[in-house]
């Protein structure tokens, strides 16, 4: 895949990145766009104060989620939240700024995390997306299938007006 960004750096997120992460999330999706696909006030990435509070409670010994950010020309353009279990990796969230979508940044973040999983002996990746009450999958569904993730065939109920679609990929 040809990356449309001249220089992309993927690195571990720091507390200094919190405001940029929140700005990316807020600008990438509107509440109207995600209505019916996400929980109300869906993620800790919606408020700088909430994210700072969550980050300060974070204990690396018990909280295995990691956050990586992508920088293009020195500016944060995306992030991915993931964790490694004993035998598989799990991607919890990925967001690329609206202006930078379609340039290969999301694919690069996913490939980077898959590389981490392989280096730790994992041969399976998991993630999920949602489907609204009308059975329409969230737009990320096509991204994940292009990345080689397969629909598990399951639809898991949530406490909201959408279902969760587990996706899996066997790493080579």
Protein backbone atom coordinates (compact mmCIF):
# COMPACT_ATOMS: atom_id res chain seq x y z
CA UNK A 1 0.00 0.00 0.00
CA UNK A 2 1.28 3.46 -0.88
CA UNK A 3 1.12 5.81 2.08
CA UNK A 4 -0.11 9.24 1.00
CA UNK A 5 1.57 10.94 3.97
CA UNK A 6 5.22 11.81 3.38
CA UNK A 7 6.42 10.93 6.88
CA UNK A 8 4.46 8.98 9.44
CA UNK A 9 5.74 8.29 12.93
CA UNK A 10 3.94 5.85 15.21
CA UNK A 11 4.84 6.09 18.88
CA UNK A 12 3.48 5.48 22.37
CA UNK A 13 1.09 8.20 23.52
CA UNK A 14 1.99 10.37 26.48
CA UNK A 15 -0.06 12.53 28.82
CA UNK A 16 0.98 15.52 26.68
CA UNK A 17 -0.98 13.98 23.77
CA UNK A 18 -4.34 13.95 25.60
CA UNK A 19 -5.71 17.23 24.24
CA UNK A 20 -4.73 16.27 20.67
CA UNK A 21 -6.32 12.82 21.05
CA UNK A 22 -9.57 14.39 22.23
CA UNK A 23 -9.52 16.97 19.41
CA UNK A 24 -8.98 14.22 16.82
CA UNK A 25 -11.87 12.18 18.22
CA UNK A 26 -14.23 15.15 18.42
CA UNK A 27 -13.43 16.31 14.88
CA UNK A 28 -13.51 12.83 13.32
CA UNK A 29 -17.12 11.98 14.15
CA UNK A 30 -20.22 13.98 14.91
CA UNK A 31 -22.76 12.88 17.52
CA UNK A 32 -25.36 12.73 14.73
CA UNK A 33 -23.10 10.44 12.70
CA UNK A 34 -22.61 7.93 15.53
CA UNK A 35 -26.19 8.02 16.84
CA UNK A 36 -27.52 4.47 16.84
CA UNK A 37 -24.01 3.00 16.57
CA UNK A 38 -22.45 4.01 19.88
CA UNK A 39 -23.30 4.47 23.53
CA UNK A 40 -24.25 7.98 24.59
CA UNK A 41 -21.15 9.91 25.67
CA UNK A 42 -19.45 6.87 24.23
CA UNK A 43 -15.75 7.14 24.98
CA UNK A 44 -13.37 8.66 27.48
CA UNK A 45 -11.83 10.36 24.44
CA UNK A 46 -14.67 12.92 24.35
CA UNK A 47 -13.41 15.06 27.20
CA UNK A 48 -9.89 16.21 28.00
CA UNK A 49 -10.75 16.18 31.73
CA UNK A 50 -12.17 12.61 31.56
CA UNK A 51 -9.16 11.32 29.64
CA UNK A 52 -6.68 12.99 32.01
CA UNK A 53 -8.54 11.43 34.97
CA UNK A 54 -8.52 7.97 33.35
CA UNK A 55 -4.85 8.33 32.46
CA UNK A 56 -3.90 9.33 36.02
CA UNK A 57 -5.68 6.22 37.40
CA UNK A 58 -3.91 4.02 34.89
CA UNK A 59 -1.70 1.38 36.41
CA UNK A 60 0.53 -0.46 33.92
CA UNK A 61 0.55 -3.55 36.16
CA UNK A 62 -3.23 -4.01 35.97
CA UNK A 63 -4.37 -2.07 32.90
CA UNK A 64 -2.97 -3.64 29.77
CA UNK A 65 -4.47 -1.19 27.26
CA UNK A 66 -1.89 0.79 25.35
CA UNK A 67 -2.35 3.89 23.21
CA UNK A 68 -0.25 4.65 20.15
CA UNK A 69 -0.43 7.88 18.18
CA UNK A 70 0.41 8.60 14.57
CA UNK A 71 2.19 11.83 13.67
CA UNK A 72 2.49 13.22 10.15
CA UNK A 73 4.81 16.15 9.60
CA UNK A 74 4.99 16.62 13.39
CA UNK A 75 1.21 16.78 13.91
CA UNK A 76 -0.93 14.14 15.64
CA UNK A 77 -3.28 12.66 13.02
CA UNK A 78 -4.61 9.49 14.65
CA UNK A 79 -4.51 7.05 17.53
CA UNK A 80 -5.19 3.41 18.32
CA UNK A 81 -6.07 1.76 21.65
CA UNK A 82 -5.20 -1.92 22.04
CA UNK A 83 -4.08 -4.63 24.43
CA UNK A 84 -2.33 -7.94 24.19
CA UNK A 85 -3.82 -10.96 25.88
CA UNK A 86 -1.92 -14.20 26.36
CA UNK A 87 -2.68 -15.58 22.89
CA UNK A 88 -4.30 -12.73 20.93
CA UNK A 89 -4.31 -8.99 20.43
CA UNK A 90 -7.41 -6.82 20.79
CA UNK A 91 -7.95 -3.42 19.14
CA UNK A 92 -10.42 -1.40 21.19
CA UNK A 93 -10.51 1.87 19.26
CA UNK A 94 -8.91 3.58 16.29
CA UNK A 95 -9.52 7.12 15.08
CA UNK A 96 -7.87 9.12 12.30
CA UNK A 97 -8.55 12.84 11.91
CA UNK A 98 -11.23 13.48 9.33
CA UNK A 99 -8.87 15.47 7.10
CA UNK A 100 -6.33 12.63 7.06
CA UNK A 101 -8.73 9.71 6.48
CA UNK A 102 -8.16 7.67 3.34
CA UNK A 103 -4.38 8.22 3.34
CA UNK A 104 -3.34 4.89 4.86
CA UNK A 105 -2.86 6.11 8.42
CA UNK A 106 -5.46 3.79 9.95
CA UNK A 107 -4.02 0.86 8.00
CA UNK A 108 -0.52 1.75 9.20
CA UNK A 109 -1.67 1.89 12.85
CA UNK A 110 -3.40 -1.50 12.55
CA UNK A 111 -0.38 -3.08 10.81
CA UNK A 112 1.89 -1.70 13.55
CA UNK A 113 -0.24 -3.25 16.30
CA UNK A 114 -0.46 -6.54 14.38
CA UNK A 115 3.36 -6.51 14.24
CA UNK A 116 3.49 -6.09 18.01
CA UNK A 117 1.08 -9.02 18.41
CA UNK A 118 3.19 -11.26 16.17
CA UNK A 119 6.36 -10.33 18.06
CA UNK A 120 4.64 -11.48 21.27
CA UNK A 121 3.66 -14.81 19.73
CA UNK A 122 0.02 -13.95 19.01
CA UNK A 123 -1.49 -15.30 15.82
CA UNK A 124 -4.97 -13.88 16.22
CA UNK A 125 -6.29 -10.32 16.38
CA UNK A 126 -9.75 -9.32 17.56
CA UNK A 127 -11.75 -6.13 17.32
CA UNK A 128 -15.38 -5.21 16.93
CA UNK A 129 -17.71 -2.69 15.40
CA UNK A 130 -21.42 -2.10 15.72
CA UNK A 131 -24.64 -2.50 13.81
CA UNK A 132 -27.62 -0.19 14.34
CA UNK A 133 -31.17 -1.30 15.11
CA UNK A 134 -31.91 -1.46 11.36
CA UNK A 135 -29.11 -3.99 10.81
CA UNK A 136 -26.80 -1.46 9.13
CA UNK A 137 -23.15 -1.88 10.15
CA UNK A 138 -21.07 1.12 11.21
CA UNK A 139 -18.80 2.50 8.46
CA UNK A 140 -15.73 0.96 10.13
CA UNK A 141 -17.04 -2.48 9.12
CA UNK A 142 -15.74 -2.05 5.55
CA UNK A 143 -12.38 -0.76 6.84
CA UNK A 144 -11.94 -3.86 8.99
CA UNK A 145 -12.91 -6.26 6.20
CA UNK A 146 -10.43 -4.54 3.84
CA UNK A 147 -7.79 -5.05 6.54
CA UNK A 148 -8.48 -8.81 6.47
CA UNK A 149 -10.73 -9.06 9.53
CA UNK A 150 -13.61 -11.49 9.24
CA UNK A 151 -17.10 -11.12 10.62
CA UNK A 152 -17.56 -13.75 13.34
CA UNK A 153 -21.20 -14.10 12.38
CA UNK A 154 -22.25 -13.18 15.92
CA UNK A 155 -24.34 -10.19 16.91
CA UNK A 156 -23.96 -9.42 20.60
CA UNK A 157 -26.65 -7.38 22.35
CA UNK A 158 -25.71 -4.21 24.23
CA UNK A 159 -27.60 -2.03 26.68
CA UNK A 160 -28.18 0.42 23.84
CA UNK A 161 -29.96 0.48 20.49
CA UNK A 162 -27.17 -1.32 18.61
CA UNK A 163 -25.44 -4.69 18.56
CA UNK A 164 -21.74 -5.48 18.64
CA UNK A 165 -20.10 -7.34 15.74
CA UNK A 166 -16.97 -9.24 16.80
CA UNK A 167 -14.29 -9.42 14.06
CA UNK A 168 -11.20 -11.63 13.91
CA UNK A 169 -8.04 -11.93 11.83
CA UNK A 170 -5.54 -14.74 11.77
CA UNK A 171 -2.05 -13.33 11.56
CA UNK A 172 0.42 -14.96 9.17
